[in-house]
Amino acid sequence: MDLLCQQRRHVTSVSWPVDVDNRVNILVRAAAAAGERTSRAELLAALVSACEVDPERLADVLHEYRRLPSGEFAGDEDRDDLPLVRPPGPRRITRPA
């Protein structure tokens, strides 16, 4: 059986507010708290896959998003109930001075 999560990848570029980008990081940390090892890309793919194709509901979600005040997620970065997750990619090597 072929799985959706194993299909060929398509790279996309998304431009969105910094607070939304930070929110994705928090959601990855929340998944880690539930024992899931995931990436930002996999999490976003899962969220898009979970959405129903319901025009009215999508319109409601868009309207809710457009009314969110700046700073809505301000306290997210300080959540100590979520584990820290190392970002993907090579680790930076710190050299003694």
N, C-alpha and C. Protein backbone atom coordinates (compact mmCIF):
# COMPACT_ATOMS: atom_id res chain seq x y z
N MET A 1 0.85 -1.18 0.00
CA MET A 1 0.00 0.00 0.00
C MET A 1 0.89 1.24 0.00
N ASP A 2 0.61 2.16 -0.90
CA ASP A 2 1.32 3.43 -0.95
C ASP A 2 0.72 4.38 0.08
N LEU A 3 1.58 5.08 0.79
CA LEU A 3 1.12 6.04 1.79
C LEU A 3 1.35 7.46 1.29
N LEU A 4 0.39 8.32 1.58
CA LEU A 4 0.49 9.72 1.20
C LEU A 4 1.78 10.35 1.73
N CYS A 5 2.11 10.04 2.98
CA CYS A 5 3.29 10.66 3.60
C CYS A 5 4.60 10.23 2.96
N GLN A 6 4.55 9.21 2.09
CA GLN A 6 5.77 8.73 1.43
C GLN A 6 5.86 9.13 -0.03
N GLN A 7 4.92 9.93 -0.49
CA GLN A 7 4.94 10.36 -1.88
C GLN A 7 6.12 11.29 -2.16
N ARG A 8 6.39 11.47 -3.43
CA ARG A 8 7.40 12.41 -3.88
C ARG A 8 7.09 13.79 -3.29
N ARG A 9 8.11 14.51 -2.92
CA ARG A 9 7.94 15.82 -2.27
C ARG A 9 7.87 16.95 -3.28
N HIS A 10 7.13 17.97 -2.90
CA HIS A 10 7.06 19.23 -3.65
C HIS A 10 7.49 20.33 -2.70
N VAL A 11 8.52 21.05 -3.07
CA VAL A 11 9.01 22.14 -2.22
C VAL A 11 8.17 23.38 -2.50
N THR A 12 7.76 24.02 -1.43
CA THR A 12 6.96 25.23 -1.58
C THR A 12 7.53 26.32 -0.68
N SER A 13 7.27 27.53 -1.03
CA SER A 13 7.71 28.66 -0.22
C SER A 13 6.47 29.37 0.31
N VAL A 14 6.44 29.58 1.60
CA VAL A 14 5.29 30.21 2.22
C VAL A 14 5.74 31.50 2.89
N SER A 15 5.00 32.53 2.68
CA SER A 15 5.27 33.81 3.33
C SER A 15 4.11 34.10 4.26
N TRP A 16 4.41 34.18 5.57
CA TRP A 16 3.35 34.45 6.53
C TRP A 16 3.93 35.22 7.70
N PRO A 17 3.09 35.74 8.57
CA PRO A 17 3.58 36.54 9.70
C PRO A 17 4.53 35.74 10.60
N VAL A 18 5.48 36.43 11.17
CA VAL A 18 6.46 35.82 12.07
C VAL A 18 5.77 35.09 13.21
N ASP A 19 4.71 35.66 13.76
CA ASP A 19 4.00 35.00 14.85
C ASP A 19 3.40 33.66 14.43
N VAL A 20 2.96 33.55 13.20
CA VAL A 20 2.42 32.28 12.70
C VAL A 20 3.57 31.28 12.57
N ASP A 21 4.72 31.74 12.09
CA ASP A 21 5.88 30.86 11.97
C ASP A 21 6.30 30.34 13.35
N ASN A 22 6.30 31.22 14.34
CA ASN A 22 6.61 30.80 15.70
C ASN A 22 5.57 29.81 16.22
N ARG A 23 4.33 30.00 15.82
CA ARG A 23 3.26 29.09 16.24
C ARG A 23 3.49 27.68 15.71
N VAL A 24 4.00 27.57 14.49
CA VAL A 24 4.32 26.26 13.93
C VAL A 24 5.36 25.57 14.81
N ASN A 25 6.37 26.33 15.25
CA ASN A 25 7.39 25.76 16.14
C ASN A 25 6.76 25.25 17.43
N ILE A 26 5.82 25.99 17.98
CA ILE A 26 5.14 25.58 19.21
C ILE A 26 4.33 24.31 18.97
N LEU A 27 3.68 24.21 17.82
CA LEU A 27 2.91 23.00 17.51
C LEU A 27 3.82 21.79 17.36
N VAL A 28 5.01 21.97 16.81
CA VAL A 28 5.98 20.87 16.74
C VAL A 28 6.37 20.44 18.15
N ARG A 29 6.58 21.42 19.03
CA ARG A 29 6.90 21.10 20.42
C ARG A 29 5.74 20.37 21.10
N ALA A 30 4.50 20.76 20.79
CA ALA A 30 3.34 20.09 21.37
C ALA A 30 3.27 18.65 20.88
N ALA A 31 3.58 18.42 19.62
CA ALA A 31 3.60 17.05 19.11
C ALA A 31 4.68 16.24 19.82
N ALA A 32 5.83 16.86 20.08
CA ALA A 32 6.91 16.18 20.81
C ALA A 32 6.46 15.83 22.22
N ALA A 33 5.67 16.71 22.83
CA ALA A 33 5.16 16.43 24.17
C ALA A 33 4.25 15.21 24.18
N ALA A 34 3.63 14.94 23.05
CA ALA A 34 2.76 13.76 22.92
C ALA A 34 3.54 12.54 22.46
N GLY A 35 4.86 12.68 22.36
CA GLY A 35 5.70 11.55 21.98
C GLY A 35 5.94 11.41 20.50
N GLU A 36 5.55 12.39 19.72
CA GLU A 36 5.73 12.34 18.26
C GLU A 36 7.01 13.05 17.84
N ARG A 37 7.79 12.39 17.00
CA ARG A 37 8.95 13.04 16.37
C ARG A 37 8.48 13.47 15.00
N THR A 38 8.45 14.75 14.76
CA THR A 38 7.94 15.26 13.49
C THR A 38 8.74 16.48 13.07
N SER A 39 8.41 16.97 11.92
CA SER A 39 9.03 18.19 11.40
C SER A 39 7.93 19.21 11.13
N ARG A 40 8.36 20.42 10.90
CA ARG A 40 7.40 21.47 10.54
C ARG A 40 6.65 21.07 9.27
N ALA A 41 7.37 20.56 8.29
CA ALA A 41 6.75 20.19 7.02
C ALA A 41 5.72 19.09 7.20
N GLU A 42 6.07 18.06 7.97
CA GLU A 42 5.13 16.96 8.18
C GLU A 42 3.90 17.43 8.95
N LEU A 43 4.13 18.27 9.96
CA LEU A 43 3.01 18.80 10.73
C LEU A 43 2.07 19.61 9.85
N LEU A 44 2.60 20.49 9.03
CA LEU A 44 1.75 21.29 8.16
C LEU A 44 1.02 20.42 7.14
N ALA A 45 1.70 19.40 6.61
CA ALA A 45 1.03 18.48 5.68
C ALA A 45 -0.12 17.76 6.37
N ALA A 46 0.09 17.36 7.62
CA ALA A 46 -0.97 16.68 8.37
C ALA A 46 -2.15 17.61 8.62
N LEU A 47 -1.87 18.86 8.97
CA LEU A 47 -2.95 19.81 9.22
C LEU A 47 -3.75 20.09 7.95
N VAL A 48 -3.06 20.26 6.82
CA VAL A 48 -3.77 20.49 5.55
C VAL A 48 -4.59 19.26 5.18
N SER A 49 -4.01 18.08 5.40
CA SER A 49 -4.72 16.84 5.08
C SER A 49 -5.97 16.64 5.93
N ALA A 50 -5.94 17.16 7.15
CA ALA A 50 -7.07 17.00 8.07
C ALA A 50 -8.22 17.95 7.77
N CYS A 51 -7.98 18.98 6.98
CA CYS A 51 -9.04 19.95 6.68
C CYS A 51 -10.06 19.38 5.72
N GLU A 52 -11.31 19.61 6.05
CA GLU A 52 -12.39 19.23 5.15
C GLU A 52 -12.48 20.26 4.02
N VAL A 53 -12.88 19.80 2.85
CA VAL A 53 -13.09 20.71 1.73
C VAL A 53 -14.52 21.22 1.83
N ASP A 54 -14.72 22.15 2.75
CA ASP A 54 -16.02 22.73 3.05
C ASP A 54 -15.89 24.24 2.87
N PRO A 55 -16.37 24.78 1.76
CA PRO A 55 -16.17 26.19 1.46
C PRO A 55 -16.60 27.13 2.60
N GLU A 56 -17.74 26.86 3.19
CA GLU A 56 -18.22 27.75 4.26
C GLU A 56 -17.31 27.68 5.49
N ARG A 57 -16.89 26.49 5.86
CA ARG A 57 -16.00 26.35 7.03
C ARG A 57 -14.65 27.00 6.75
N LEU A 58 -14.13 26.82 5.54
CA LEU A 58 -12.87 27.47 5.19
C LEU A 58 -12.99 28.99 5.22
N ALA A 59 -14.13 29.50 4.76
CA ALA A 59 -14.36 30.94 4.83
C ALA A 59 -14.38 31.40 6.28
N ASP A 60 -15.02 30.63 7.16
CA ASP A 60 -15.04 30.96 8.59
C ASP A 60 -13.64 30.99 9.18
N VAL A 61 -12.82 29.99 8.83
CA VAL A 61 -11.45 29.93 9.33
C VAL A 61 -10.65 31.14 8.86
N LEU A 62 -10.82 31.50 7.60
CA LEU A 62 -10.13 32.69 7.07
C LEU A 62 -10.56 33.96 7.80
N HIS A 63 -11.86 34.09 8.04
CA HIS A 63 -12.36 35.28 8.73
C HIS A 63 -11.83 35.34 10.16
N GLU A 64 -11.78 34.17 10.83
CA GLU A 64 -11.23 34.13 12.19
C GLU A 64 -9.76 34.53 12.19
N TYR A 65 -9.00 34.01 11.25
CA TYR A 65 -7.57 34.35 11.14
C TYR A 65 -7.38 35.85 10.92
N ARG A 66 -8.15 36.40 10.02
CA ARG A 66 -8.00 37.82 9.67
C ARG A 66 -8.37 38.76 10.82
N ARG A 67 -9.08 38.26 11.81
CA ARG A 67 -9.46 39.09 12.97
C ARG A 67 -8.55 38.88 14.18
N LEU A 68 -7.58 37.98 14.09
CA LEU A 68 -6.68 37.76 15.22
C LEU A 68 -5.83 39.00 15.47
N PRO A 69 -5.77 39.44 16.70
CA PRO A 69 -4.92 40.60 17.01
C PRO A 69 -3.44 40.21 17.00
N SER A 70 -2.60 41.17 16.67
CA SER A 70 -1.16 40.96 16.74
C SER A 70 -0.81 40.59 18.17
N GLY A 71 0.10 39.67 18.33
CA GLY A 71 0.49 39.24 19.67
C GLY A 71 -0.40 38.17 20.25
N GLU A 72 -1.31 37.62 19.46
CA GLU A 72 -2.25 36.59 19.94
C GLU A 72 -1.52 35.38 20.54
N PHE A 73 -0.36 35.07 20.00
CA PHE A 73 0.38 33.89 20.46
C PHE A 73 1.61 34.27 21.27
N ALA A 74 1.63 35.46 21.84
CA ALA A 74 2.82 35.99 22.51
C ALA A 74 3.34 35.09 23.62
N GLY A 75 2.48 34.45 24.37
CA GLY A 75 2.93 33.62 25.49
C GLY A 75 3.41 32.24 25.09
N ASP A 76 3.24 31.87 23.83
CA ASP A 76 3.59 30.53 23.39
C ASP A 76 5.07 30.19 23.56
N GLU A 77 5.93 31.12 23.25
CA GLU A 77 7.37 30.84 23.28
C GLU A 77 7.86 30.50 24.68
N ASP A 78 7.17 30.98 25.69
CA ASP A 78 7.60 30.78 27.07
C ASP A 78 6.99 29.55 27.72
N ARG A 79 6.35 28.70 26.97
CA ARG A 79 5.69 27.52 27.55
C ARG A 79 6.74 26.53 28.03
N ASP A 80 6.77 26.32 29.33
CA ASP A 80 7.73 25.37 29.87
C ASP A 80 7.13 23.98 30.02
N ASP A 81 5.86 23.82 29.63
CA ASP A 81 5.24 22.50 29.67
C ASP A 81 5.49 21.72 28.39
N LEU A 82 6.16 22.35 27.42
CA LEU A 82 6.47 21.70 26.16
C LEU A 82 7.98 21.52 26.04
N PRO A 83 8.42 20.39 25.52
CA PRO A 83 9.86 20.18 25.38
C PRO A 83 10.45 21.08 24.30
N LEU A 84 11.72 21.39 24.46
CA LEU A 84 12.43 22.11 23.41
C LEU A 84 12.78 21.11 22.31
N VAL A 85 12.68 21.54 21.08
CA VAL A 85 12.96 20.68 19.94
C VAL A 85 14.09 21.32 19.15
N ARG A 86 15.12 20.53 18.90
CA ARG A 86 16.24 21.04 18.11
C ARG A 86 15.80 21.20 16.67
N PRO A 87 16.08 22.38 16.08
CA PRO A 87 15.69 22.57 14.69
C PRO A 87 16.46 21.61 13.78
N PRO A 88 15.88 21.27 12.62
CA PRO A 88 16.57 20.36 11.72
C PRO A 88 17.82 21.00 11.12
N GLY A 89 18.65 20.17 10.58
CA GLY A 89 19.86 20.65 9.93
C GLY A 89 21.08 20.36 10.76
N PRO A 90 22.24 20.68 10.21
CA PRO A 90 23.47 20.39 10.94
C PRO A 90 23.61 21.26 12.17
N ARG A 91 24.22 20.68 13.19
CA ARG A 91 24.46 21.43 14.42
C ARG A 91 25.64 22.37 14.21
N ARG A 92 25.53 23.53 14.81
CA ARG A 92 26.63 24.48 14.75
C ARG A 92 27.69 24.07 15.75
N ILE A 93 28.91 24.11 15.35
CA ILE A 93 30.02 23.76 16.23
C ILE A 93 30.57 25.05 16.81
N THR A 94 30.59 25.11 18.12
CA THR A 94 31.17 26.30 18.77
C THR A 94 32.63 25.99 19.07
N ARG A 95 33.47 26.85 18.63
CA ARG A 95 34.91 26.66 18.83
C ARG A 95 35.37 27.57 19.95
N PRO A 96 36.26 27.07 20.79
CA PRO A 96 36.77 27.92 21.87
C PRO A 96 37.51 29.12 21.32
N ALA A 97 37.39 30.21 22.02
CA ALA A 97 38.02 31.45 21.55
C ALA A 97 39.51 31.45 21.80
